[in-house]
Amino acid sequence: MLVLSRKEGEKLVIGDNITVVVSRVSGNRVTLGIEAPTDVRIIRGELKSQDAELQKVVPIRRAATVTIEVESLALDKQAM
């Protein structure tokens, strides 16, 4: 796993067509903006088990915003 530190407003570029930007950091929450082609599905990790059901959903947006609780990331990291 690659672990990177980013400040608010900074971006990560994945491949040629996916951009992730740290939109806001507030307390233990991080809000991410994700720009990707419509054929790239973006789902929260806890929904991965429902993946088959999500494949039926037709994407209507090219960008998404995700909020992640930093504490839950720390707990997941400790479990590894």
C-alpha atoms as a PDB file:
ATOM      1  CA  MET A   1       0.000   0.000   0.000  1.00  0.00           C
ATOM      2  CA  LEU A   2       1.258   3.454  -0.901  1.00  0.00           C
ATOM      3  CA  VAL A   3       0.664   5.991   1.897  1.00  0.00           C
ATOM      4  CA  LEU A   4       0.863   9.691   1.012  1.00  0.00           C
ATOM      5  CA  SER A   5       0.328  12.872   3.020  1.00  0.00           C
ATOM      6  CA  ARG A   6      -1.634  15.674   1.375  1.00  0.00           C
ATOM      7  CA  LYS A   7      -2.787  19.053   2.635  1.00  0.00           C
ATOM      8  CA  GLU A   8      -6.150  20.648   1.938  1.00  0.00           C
ATOM      9  CA  GLY A   9      -6.373  21.606  -1.735  1.00  0.00           C
ATOM     10  CA  GLU A  10      -3.563  19.270  -2.826  1.00  0.00           C
ATOM     11  CA  LYS A  11      -4.185  16.581  -5.455  1.00  0.00           C
ATOM     12  CA  LEU A  12      -3.238  13.027  -6.320  1.00  0.00           C
ATOM     13  CA  VAL A  13      -3.284  11.914  -9.944  1.00  0.00           C
ATOM     14  CA  ILE A  14      -3.874   8.225 -10.644  1.00  0.00           C
ATOM     15  CA  GLY A  15      -3.055   7.120 -14.163  1.00  0.00           C
ATOM     16  CA  ASP A  16      -4.031   9.515 -16.916  1.00  0.00           C
ATOM     17  CA  ASN A  17      -7.629  10.150 -15.985  1.00  0.00           C
ATOM     18  CA  ILE A  18      -8.300  10.007 -12.222  1.00  0.00           C
ATOM     19  CA  THR A  19      -7.695  12.945  -9.879  1.00  0.00           C
ATOM     20  CA  VAL A  20      -8.256  12.945  -6.115  1.00  0.00           C
ATOM     21  CA  VAL A  21      -8.192  16.261  -4.241  1.00  0.00           C
ATOM     22  CA  VAL A  22      -8.328  16.815  -0.479  1.00  0.00           C
ATOM     23  CA  SER A  23     -11.296  19.191  -0.340  1.00  0.00           C
ATOM     24  CA  ARG A  24     -11.541  19.715   3.410  1.00  0.00           C
ATOM     25  CA  VAL A  25     -10.027  18.508   6.669  1.00  0.00           C
ATOM     26  CA  SER A  26     -12.189  19.101   9.733  1.00  0.00           C
ATOM     27  CA  GLY A  27     -11.343  17.399  13.017  1.00  0.00           C
ATOM     28  CA  ASN A  28     -11.104  13.684  12.338  1.00  0.00           C
ATOM     29  CA  ARG A  29     -12.845  13.857   8.942  1.00  0.00           C
ATOM     30  CA  VAL A  30     -11.345  14.245   5.490  1.00  0.00           C
ATOM     31  CA  THR A  31     -13.455  15.165   2.464  1.00  0.00           C
ATOM     32  CA  LEU A  32     -12.084  14.009  -0.880  1.00  0.00           C
ATOM     33  CA  GLY A  33     -13.134  15.109  -4.354  1.00  0.00           C
ATOM     34  CA  ILE A  34     -12.714  12.466  -7.060  1.00  0.00           C
ATOM     35  CA  GLU A  35     -12.774  13.132 -10.795  1.00  0.00           C
ATOM     36  CA  ALA A  36     -12.885  10.038 -12.986  1.00  0.00           C
ATOM     37  CA  PRO A  37     -14.410   8.815 -16.240  1.00  0.00           C
ATOM     38  CA  THR A  38     -17.996   7.579 -15.988  1.00  0.00           C
ATOM     39  CA  ASP A  39     -16.903   3.985 -16.611  1.00  0.00           C
ATOM     40  CA  VAL A  40     -14.819   4.000 -13.386  1.00  0.00           C
ATOM     41  CA  ARG A  41     -16.987   2.965 -10.443  1.00  0.00           C
ATOM     42  CA  ILE A  42     -16.223   4.700  -7.150  1.00  0.00           C
ATOM     43  CA  ILE A  43     -17.643   3.102  -3.995  1.00  0.00           C
ATOM     44  CA  ARG A  44     -16.907   3.275  -0.281  1.00  0.00           C
ATOM     45  CA  GLY A  45     -14.888   0.335   1.037  1.00  0.00           C
ATOM     46  CA  GLU A  46     -17.624  -0.831   3.395  1.00  0.00           C
ATOM     47  CA  LEU A  47     -19.945  -1.254   0.400  1.00  0.00           C
ATOM     48  CA  LYS A  48     -17.548  -3.515  -1.500  1.00  0.00           C
ATOM     49  CA  SER A  49     -19.428  -6.609  -0.263  1.00  0.00           C
ATOM     50  CA  GLN A  50     -22.531  -5.272  -2.024  1.00  0.00           C
ATOM     51  CA  ASP A  51     -20.531  -4.900  -5.246  1.00  0.00           C
ATOM     52  CA  ALA A  52     -22.800  -7.057  -7.425  1.00  0.00           C
ATOM     53  CA  GLU A  53     -25.832  -4.970  -6.528  1.00  0.00           C
ATOM     54  CA  LEU A  54     -23.947  -1.727  -7.220  1.00  0.00           C
ATOM     55  CA  GLN A  55     -23.067  -2.877 -10.742  1.00  0.00           C
ATOM     56  CA  LYS A  56     -26.728  -2.452 -11.646  1.00  0.00           C
ATOM     57  CA  VAL A  57     -26.529   1.304 -10.943  1.00  0.00           C
ATOM     58  CA  VAL A  58     -25.891   3.472 -13.995  1.00  0.00           C
ATOM     59  CA  PRO A  59     -23.394   6.259 -13.215  1.00  0.00           C
ATOM     60  CA  ILE A  60     -24.833   9.736 -13.709  1.00  0.00           C
ATOM     61  CA  ARG A  61     -21.925  11.854 -12.482  1.00  0.00           C
ATOM     62  CA  ARG A  62     -18.299  12.199 -13.462  1.00  0.00           C
ATOM     63  CA  ALA A  63     -17.150  13.474 -10.065  1.00  0.00           C
ATOM     64  CA  ALA A  64     -17.784  12.488  -6.476  1.00  0.00           C
ATOM     65  CA  THR A  65     -17.011  13.748  -2.988  1.00  0.00           C
ATOM     66  CA  VAL A  66     -16.189  11.292  -0.223  1.00  0.00           C
ATOM     67  CA  THR A  67     -15.858  12.033   3.498  1.00  0.00           C
ATOM     68  CA  ILE A  68     -13.654   9.677   5.519  1.00  0.00           C
ATOM     69  CA  GLU A  69     -13.378   9.580   9.297  1.00  0.00           C
ATOM     70  CA  VAL A  70      -9.678   9.579  10.125  1.00  0.00           C
ATOM     71  CA  GLU A  71     -10.248   7.540  13.300  1.00  0.00           C
ATOM     72  CA  SER A  72     -11.763   4.661  11.311  1.00  0.00           C
ATOM     73  CA  LEU A  73      -8.713   4.668   9.013  1.00  0.00           C
ATOM     74  CA  ALA A  74      -6.442   4.393  12.043  1.00  0.00           C
ATOM     75  CA  LEU A  75      -8.460   1.431  13.344  1.00  0.00           C
ATOM     76  CA  ASP A  76      -8.302  -0.305   9.948  1.00  0.00           C
ATOM     77  CA  LYS A  77      -4.547   0.270   9.774  1.00  0.00           C
ATOM     78  CA  GLN A  78      -4.021  -1.277  13.231  1.00  0.00           C
ATOM     79  CA  ALA A  79      -5.946  -4.379  12.167  1.00  0.00           C
ATOM     80  CA  MET A  80      -3.451  -5.062   9.351  1.00  0.00           C
END
